PDB file of N, CA and C in Angstrom:
ATOM      1  N   MET A   1      33.507   1.706  -2.823  1.00  0.00           N
ATOM      2  CA  MET A   1      33.081   0.433  -3.393  1.00  0.00           C
ATOM      3  C   MET A   1      31.836  -0.054  -2.656  1.00  0.00           C
ATOM      4  N   PRO A   2      30.809  -0.499  -3.380  1.00  0.00           N
ATOM      5  CA  PRO A   2      29.593  -1.001  -2.734  1.00  0.00           C
ATOM      6  C   PRO A   2      29.864  -2.261  -1.914  1.00  0.00           C
ATOM      7  N   SER A   3      29.105  -2.419  -0.867  1.00  0.00           N
ATOM      8  CA  SER A   3      29.235  -3.581   0.001  1.00  0.00           C
ATOM      9  C   SER A   3      28.421  -4.735  -0.563  1.00  0.00           C
ATOM     10  N   THR A   4      28.856  -5.950  -0.293  1.00  0.00           N
ATOM     11  CA  THR A   4      28.075  -7.120  -0.686  1.00  0.00           C
ATOM     12  C   THR A   4      27.048  -7.483   0.374  1.00  0.00           C
ATOM     13  N   VAL A   5      27.100  -6.819   1.524  1.00  0.00           N
ATOM     14  CA  VAL A   5      26.205  -7.116   2.643  1.00  0.00           C
ATOM     15  C   VAL A   5      25.282  -5.932   2.967  1.00  0.00           C
ATOM     16  N   ILE A   6      25.832  -4.736   2.939  1.00  0.00           N
ATOM     17  CA  ILE A   6      25.089  -3.542   3.330  1.00  0.00           C
ATOM     18  C   ILE A   6      24.728  -2.738   2.090  1.00  0.00           C
ATOM     19  N   LYS A   7      23.433  -2.511   1.927  1.00  0.00           N
ATOM     20  CA  LYS A   7      22.940  -1.794   0.742  1.00  0.00           C
ATOM     21  C   LYS A   7      23.044  -0.283   0.918  1.00  0.00           C
ATOM     22  N   ARG A   8      22.593   0.216   2.079  1.00  0.00           N
ATOM     23  CA  ARG A   8      22.606   1.657   2.349  1.00  0.00           C
ATOM     24  C   ARG A   8      22.573   1.901   3.853  1.00  0.00           C
ATOM     25  N   PHE A   9      22.887   3.138   4.201  1.00  0.00           N
ATOM     26  CA  PHE A   9      22.739   3.543   5.593  1.00  0.00           C
ATOM     27  C   PHE A   9      22.535   5.042   5.663  1.00  0.00           C
ATOM     28  N   ASP A  10      21.986   5.468   6.783  1.00  0.00           N
ATOM     29  CA  ASP A  10      21.730   6.884   7.016  1.00  0.00           C
ATOM     30  C   ASP A  10      21.938   7.147   8.499  1.00  0.00           C
ATOM     31  N   TYR A  11      22.300   8.374   8.818  1.00  0.00           N
ATOM     32  CA  TYR A  11      22.565   8.734  10.209  1.00  0.00           C
ATOM     33  C   TYR A  11      21.818  10.001  10.561  1.00  0.00           C
ATOM     34  N   ASP A  12      21.072   9.946  11.641  1.00  0.00           N
ATOM     35  CA  ASP A  12      20.394  11.114  12.202  1.00  0.00           C
ATOM     36  C   ASP A  12      21.281  11.619  13.336  1.00  0.00           C
ATOM     37  N   GLU A  13      22.069  12.645  13.026  1.00  0.00           N
ATOM     38  CA  GLU A  13      23.051  13.153  13.991  1.00  0.00           C
ATOM     39  C   GLU A  13      22.394  13.719  15.247  1.00  0.00           C
ATOM     40  N   ASP A  14      21.266  14.405  15.092  1.00  0.00           N
ATOM     41  CA  ASP A  14      20.595  15.000  16.249  1.00  0.00           C
ATOM     42  C   ASP A  14      20.149  13.949  17.263  1.00  0.00           C
ATOM     43  N   ASN A  15      19.685  12.807  16.764  1.00  0.00           N
ATOM     44  CA  ASN A  15      19.189  11.751  17.652  1.00  0.00           C
ATOM     45  C   ASN A  15      20.176  10.597  17.827  1.00  0.00           C
ATOM     46  N   ARG A  16      21.312  10.678  17.106  1.00  0.00           N
ATOM     47  CA  ARG A  16      22.356   9.655  17.173  1.00  0.00           C
ATOM     48  C   ARG A  16      21.830   8.271  16.817  1.00  0.00           C
ATOM     49  N   VAL A  17      21.017   8.236  15.738  1.00  0.00           N
ATOM     50  CA  VAL A  17      20.421   6.985  15.274  1.00  0.00           C
ATOM     51  C   VAL A  17      20.992   6.643  13.896  1.00  0.00           C
ATOM     52  N   LEU A  18      21.522   5.445  13.793  1.00  0.00           N
ATOM     53  CA  LEU A  18      22.056   4.925  12.543  1.00  0.00           C
ATOM     54  C   LEU A  18      21.078   3.897  11.995  1.00  0.00           C
ATOM     55  N   VAL A  19      20.662   4.082  10.742  1.00  0.00           N
ATOM     56  CA  VAL A  19      19.780   3.125  10.081  1.00  0.00           C
ATOM     57  C   VAL A  19      20.607   2.406   9.027  1.00  0.00           C
ATOM     58  N   ILE A  20      20.590   1.073   9.082  1.00  0.00           N
ATOM     59  CA  ILE A  20      21.315   0.273   8.108  1.00  0.00           C
ATOM     60  C   ILE A  20      20.331  -0.630   7.385  1.00  0.00           C
ATOM     61  N   GLU A  21      20.420  -0.623   6.044  1.00  0.00           N
ATOM     62  CA  GLU A  21      19.644  -1.549   5.227  1.00  0.00           C
ATOM     63  C   GLU A  21      20.614  -2.546   4.599  1.00  0.00           C
ATOM     64  N   PHE A  22      20.312  -3.817   4.787  1.00  0.00           N
ATOM     65  CA  PHE A  22      21.139  -4.879   4.230  1.00  0.00           C
ATOM     66  C   PHE A  22      20.649  -5.243   2.834  1.00  0.00           C
ATOM     67  N   VAL A  23      21.460  -5.908   2.054  1.00  0.00           N
ATOM     68  CA  VAL A  23      21.084  -6.262   0.689  1.00  0.00           C
ATOM     69  C   VAL A  23      19.852  -7.165   0.662  1.00  0.00           C
ATOM     70  N   THR A  24      19.556  -7.812   1.752  1.00  0.00           N
ATOM     71  CA  THR A  24      18.370  -8.663   1.854  1.00  0.00           C
ATOM     72  C   THR A  24      17.091  -7.839   1.964  1.00  0.00           C
ATOM     73  N   GLY A  25      17.247  -6.522   2.224  1.00  0.00           N
ATOM     74  CA  GLY A  25      16.093  -5.655   2.424  1.00  0.00           C
ATOM     75  C   GLY A  25      15.770  -5.435   3.891  1.00  0.00           C
ATOM     76  N   THR A  26      16.371  -6.196   4.778  1.00  0.00           N
ATOM     77  CA  THR A  26      16.158  -6.039   6.215  1.00  0.00           C
ATOM     78  C   THR A  26      16.816  -4.738   6.674  1.00  0.00           C
ATOM     79  N   ARG A  27      16.099  -3.976   7.534  1.00  0.00           N
ATOM     80  CA  ARG A  27      16.624  -2.710   8.038  1.00  0.00           C
ATOM     81  C   ARG A  27      16.574  -2.695   9.560  1.00  0.00           C
ATOM     82  N   TYR A  28      17.590  -2.038  10.141  1.00  0.00           N
ATOM     83  CA  TYR A  28      17.680  -1.898  11.590  1.00  0.00           C
ATOM     84  C   TYR A  28      18.038  -0.467  11.949  1.00  0.00           C
ATOM     85  N   ARG A  29      17.545  -0.040  13.111  1.00  0.00           N
ATOM     86  CA  ARG A  29      17.957   1.232  13.721  1.00  0.00           C
ATOM     87  C   ARG A  29      18.877   0.903  14.886  1.00  0.00           C
ATOM     88  N   TYR A  30      20.009   1.599  14.939  1.00  0.00           N
ATOM     89  CA  TYR A  30      20.953   1.473  16.042  1.00  0.00           C
ATOM     90  C   TYR A  30      20.977   2.795  16.790  1.00  0.00           C
ATOM     91  N   PHE A  31      20.883   2.734  18.113  1.00  0.00           N
ATOM     92  CA  PHE A  31      20.717   3.923  18.942  1.00  0.00           C
ATOM     93  C   PHE A  31      22.009   4.321  19.659  1.00  0.00           C
ATOM     94  N   GLU A  32      22.138   5.628  19.893  1.00  0.00           N
ATOM     95  CA  GLU A  32      23.272   6.202  20.631  1.00  0.00           C
ATOM     96  C   GLU A  32      24.611   5.948  19.933  1.00  0.00           C
ATOM     97  N   VAL A  33      24.612   6.033  18.609  1.00  0.00           N
ATOM     98  CA  VAL A  33      25.832   5.821  17.827  1.00  0.00           C
ATOM     99  C   VAL A  33      26.537   7.168  17.656  1.00  0.00           C
ATOM    100  N   ASP A  34      27.795   7.225  18.037  1.00  0.00           N
ATOM    101  CA  ASP A  34      28.566   8.464  17.917  1.00  0.00           C
ATOM    102  C   ASP A  34      28.841   8.801  16.455  1.00  0.00           C
ATOM    103  N   LYS A  35      28.864  10.080  16.174  1.00  0.00           N
ATOM    104  CA  LYS A  35      29.149  10.569  14.823  1.00  0.00           C
ATOM    105  C   LYS A  35      30.497  10.043  14.313  1.00  0.00           C
ATOM    106  N   ALA A  36      31.484   9.970  15.183  1.00  0.00           N
ATOM    107  CA  ALA A  36      32.813   9.493  14.782  1.00  0.00           C
ATOM    108  C   ALA A  36      32.752   8.051  14.266  1.00  0.00           C
ATOM    109  N   VAL A  37      31.907   7.227  14.852  1.00  0.00           N
ATOM    110  CA  VAL A  37      31.754   5.844  14.398  1.00  0.00           C
ATOM    111  C   VAL A  37      31.159   5.829  12.992  1.00  0.00           C
ATOM    112  N   VAL A  38      30.153   6.669  12.768  1.00  0.00           N
ATOM    113  CA  VAL A  38      29.500   6.726  11.459  1.00  0.00           C
ATOM    114  C   VAL A  38      30.474   7.256  10.406  1.00  0.00           C
ATOM    115  N   GLU A  39      31.258   8.244  10.750  1.00  0.00           N
ATOM    116  CA  GLU A  39      32.242   8.781   9.803  1.00  0.00           C
ATOM    117  C   GLU A  39      33.279   7.721   9.441  1.00  0.00           C
ATOM    118  N   ALA A  40      33.704   6.948  10.422  1.00  0.00           N
ATOM    119  CA  ALA A  40      34.647   5.860  10.154  1.00  0.00           C
ATOM    120  C   ALA A  40      33.988   4.785   9.281  1.00  0.00           C
ATOM    121  N   PHE A  41      32.719   4.511   9.534  1.00  0.00           N
ATOM    122  CA  PHE A  41      31.951   3.546   8.742  1.00  0.00           C
ATOM    123  C   PHE A  41      31.890   4.001   7.284  1.00  0.00           C
ATOM    124  N   ARG A  42      31.620   5.283   7.063  1.00  0.00           N
ATOM    125  CA  ARG A  42      31.569   5.832   5.693  1.00  0.00           C
ATOM    126  C   ARG A  42      32.910   5.643   4.965  1.00  0.00           C
ATOM    127  N   ARG A  43      33.989   5.854   5.661  1.00  0.00           N
ATOM    128  CA  ARG A  43      35.320   5.776   5.052  1.00  0.00           C
ATOM    129  C   ARG A  43      35.813   4.338   4.854  1.00  0.00           C
ATOM    130  N   PHE A  44      35.352   3.435   5.690  1.00  0.00           N
ATOM    131  CA  PHE A  44      35.865   2.063   5.662  1.00  0.00           C
ATOM    132  C   PHE A  44      35.403   1.361   4.389  1.00  0.00           C
ATOM    133  N   ARG A  45      36.314   0.786   3.674  1.00  0.00           N
ATOM    134  CA  ARG A  45      36.004   0.177   2.381  1.00  0.00           C
ATOM    135  C   ARG A  45      35.098  -1.053   2.509  1.00  0.00           C
ATOM    136  N   GLU A  46      35.381  -1.907   3.462  1.00  0.00           N
ATOM    137  CA  GLU A  46      34.628  -3.148   3.620  1.00  0.00           C
ATOM    138  C   GLU A  46      33.589  -2.973   4.727  1.00  0.00           C
ATOM    139  N   LYS A  47      32.404  -2.495   4.333  1.00  0.00           N
ATOM    140  CA  LYS A  47      31.350  -2.130   5.279  1.00  0.00           C
ATOM    141  C   LYS A  47      30.927  -3.295   6.168  1.00  0.00           C
ATOM    142  N   GLY A  48      30.827  -4.494   5.610  1.00  0.00           N
ATOM    143  CA  GLY A  48      30.407  -5.648   6.403  1.00  0.00           C
ATOM    144  C   GLY A  48      31.382  -5.963   7.529  1.00  0.00           C
ATOM    145  N   ILE A  49      32.664  -5.857   7.252  1.00  0.00           N
ATOM    146  CA  ILE A  49      33.673  -6.098   8.286  1.00  0.00           C
ATOM    147  C   ILE A  49      33.570  -5.037   9.368  1.00  0.00           C
ATOM    148  N   PHE A  50      33.457  -3.775   8.977  1.00  0.00           N
ATOM    149  CA  PHE A  50      33.329  -2.703   9.967  1.00  0.00           C
ATOM    150  C   PHE A  50      32.072  -2.916  10.812  1.00  0.00           C
ATOM    151  N   TYR A  51      30.966  -3.228  10.154  1.00  0.00           N
ATOM    152  CA  TYR A  51      29.709  -3.472  10.872  1.00  0.00           C
ATOM    153  C   TYR A  51      29.900  -4.566  11.929  1.00  0.00           C
ATOM    154  N   ASN A  52      30.489  -5.682  11.531  1.00  0.00           N
ATOM    155  CA  ASN A  52      30.664  -6.791  12.473  1.00  0.00           C
ATOM    156  C   ASN A  52      31.596  -6.451  13.624  1.00  0.00           C
ATOM    157  N   GLN A  53      32.603  -5.637  13.376  1.00  0.00           N
ATOM    158  CA  GLN A  53      33.584  -5.316  14.407  1.00  0.00           C
ATOM    159  C   GLN A  53      33.198  -4.123  15.278  1.00  0.00           C
ATOM    160  N   GLN A  54      32.486  -3.157  14.726  1.00  0.00           N
ATOM    161  CA  GLN A  54      32.270  -1.892  15.437  1.00  0.00           C
ATOM    162  C   GLN A  54      30.815  -1.558  15.774  1.00  0.00           C
ATOM    163  N   ILE A  55      29.860  -2.243  15.160  1.00  0.00           N
ATOM    164  CA  ILE A  55      28.455  -1.884  15.371  1.00  0.00           C
ATOM    165  C   ILE A  55      27.648  -3.056  15.939  1.00  0.00           C
ATOM    166  N   LYS A  56      27.683  -4.172  15.278  1.00  0.00           N
ATOM    167  CA  LYS A  56      26.894  -5.338  15.685  1.00  0.00           C
ATOM    168  C   LYS A  56      27.211  -5.732  17.129  1.00  0.00           C
ATOM    169  N   GLY A  57      26.169  -5.828  17.939  1.00  0.00           N
ATOM    170  CA  GLY A  57      26.334  -6.248  19.326  1.00  0.00           C
ATOM    171  C   GLY A  57      26.815  -5.164  20.271  1.00  0.00           C
ATOM    172  N   LYS A  58      27.046  -3.955  19.761  1.00  0.00           N
ATOM    173  CA  LYS A  58      27.573  -2.880  20.603  1.00  0.00           C
ATOM    174  C   LYS A  58      26.551  -1.785  20.898  1.00  0.00           C
ATOM    175  N   TYR A  59      25.430  -1.800  20.197  1.00  0.00           N
ATOM    176  CA  TYR A  59      24.408  -0.750  20.363  1.00  0.00           C
ATOM    177  C   TYR A  59      23.033  -1.379  20.487  1.00  0.00           C
ATOM    178  N   ALA A  60      22.166  -0.702  21.236  1.00  0.00           N
ATOM    179  CA  ALA A  60      20.769  -1.111  21.268  1.00  0.00           C
ATOM    180  C   ALA A  60      20.212  -0.908  19.866  1.00  0.00           C
ATOM    181  N   PHE A  61      19.305  -1.781  19.452  1.00  0.00           N
ATOM    182  CA  PHE A  61      18.776  -1.683  18.097  1.00  0.00           C
ATOM    183  C   PHE A  61      17.343  -2.182  18.043  1.00  0.00           C
ATOM    184  N   GLU A  62      16.701  -1.889  16.914  1.00  0.00           N
ATOM    185  CA  GLU A  62      15.384  -2.447  16.643  1.00  0.00           C
ATOM    186  C   GLU A  62      15.282  -2.715  15.157  1.00  0.00           C
ATOM    187  N   LYS A  63      14.562  -3.755  14.816  1.00  0.00           N
ATOM    188  CA  LYS A  63      14.301  -4.067  13.419  1.00  0.00           C
ATOM    189  C   LYS A  63      13.226  -3.117  12.920  1.00  0.00           C
ATOM    190  N   ILE A  64      13.404  -2.611  11.719  1.00  0.00           N
ATOM    191  CA  ILE A  64      12.421  -1.703  11.110  1.00  0.00           C
ATOM    192  C   ILE A  64      11.452  -2.562  10.304  1.00  0.00           C
ATOM    193  N   LEU A  65      10.190  -2.432  10.613  1.00  0.00           N
ATOM    194  CA  LEU A  65       9.168  -3.224   9.938  1.00  0.00           C
ATOM    195  C   LEU A  65       8.846  -2.640   8.570  1.00  0.00           C
ATOM    196  N   PRO A  66       8.419  -3.491   7.624  1.00  0.00           N
ATOM    197  CA  PRO A  66       8.036  -2.979   6.302  1.00  0.00           C
ATOM    198  C   PRO A  66       6.990  -1.866   6.440  1.00  0.00           C
ATOM    199  N   GLY A  67       7.139  -0.837   5.639  1.00  0.00           N
ATOM    200  CA  GLY A  67       6.207   0.278   5.678  1.00  0.00           C
ATOM    201  C   GLY A  67       6.613   1.385   6.625  1.00  0.00           C
ATOM    202  N   ASP A  68       7.602   1.134   7.469  1.00  0.00           N
ATOM    203  CA  ASP A  68       8.115   2.185   8.365  1.00  0.00           C
ATOM    204  C   ASP A  68       8.803   3.233   7.510  1.00  0.00           C
ATOM    205  N   ALA A  69       8.673   4.486   7.854  1.00  0.00           N
ATOM    206  CA  ALA A  69       9.183   5.585   7.033  1.00  0.00           C
ATOM    207  C   ALA A  69      10.656   5.908   7.275  1.00  0.00           C
ATOM    208  N   ALA A  70      11.411   5.030   7.894  1.00  0.00           N
ATOM    209  CA  ALA A  70      12.833   5.318   8.136  1.00  0.00           C
ATOM    210  C   ALA A  70      13.554   5.466   6.809  1.00  0.00           C
ATOM    211  N   GLY A  71      14.230   6.595   6.626  1.00  0.00           N
ATOM    212  CA  GLY A  71      14.938   6.842   5.385  1.00  0.00           C
ATOM    213  C   GLY A  71      16.317   6.223   5.406  1.00  0.00           C
ATOM    214  N   SER A  72      16.897   6.122   4.229  1.00  0.00           N
ATOM    215  CA  SER A  72      18.274   5.668   4.130  1.00  0.00           C
ATOM    216  C   SER A  72      18.901   6.257   2.881  1.00  0.00           C
ATOM    217  N   ALA A  73      20.184   6.457   2.937  1.00  0.00           N
ATOM    218  CA  ALA A  73      20.932   7.037   1.824  1.00  0.00           C
ATOM    219  C   ALA A  73      21.900   6.005   1.266  1.00  0.00           C
ATOM    220  N   VAL A  74      22.123   6.062  -0.007  1.00  0.00           N
ATOM    221  CA  VAL A  74      23.054   5.129  -0.638  1.00  0.00           C
ATOM    222  C   VAL A  74      24.447   5.355  -0.079  1.00  0.00           C
ATOM    223  N   ILE A  75      25.158   4.260   0.207  1.00  0.00           N
ATOM    224  CA  ILE A  75      26.525   4.378   0.737  1.00  0.00           C
ATOM    225  C   ILE A  75      27.500   4.675  -0.375  1.00  0.00           C
TER     226      ILE A  75
END
């Protein structure tokens, strides 16, 4: 089921970087995210709740500026 908060996300397993795009269009990169966390995120039905409990505030991050080539895949 699509999230009402998170539009898409993508994970670079080699670099352990998770990119999340919110429905507002804002995108962030989260660093040093374990694959197991991303797999749980994919399976979790309510993405916004999982994000708030397991990702937000737990990883170093940066906002992706418009025009940055960071890719993302539909959830």
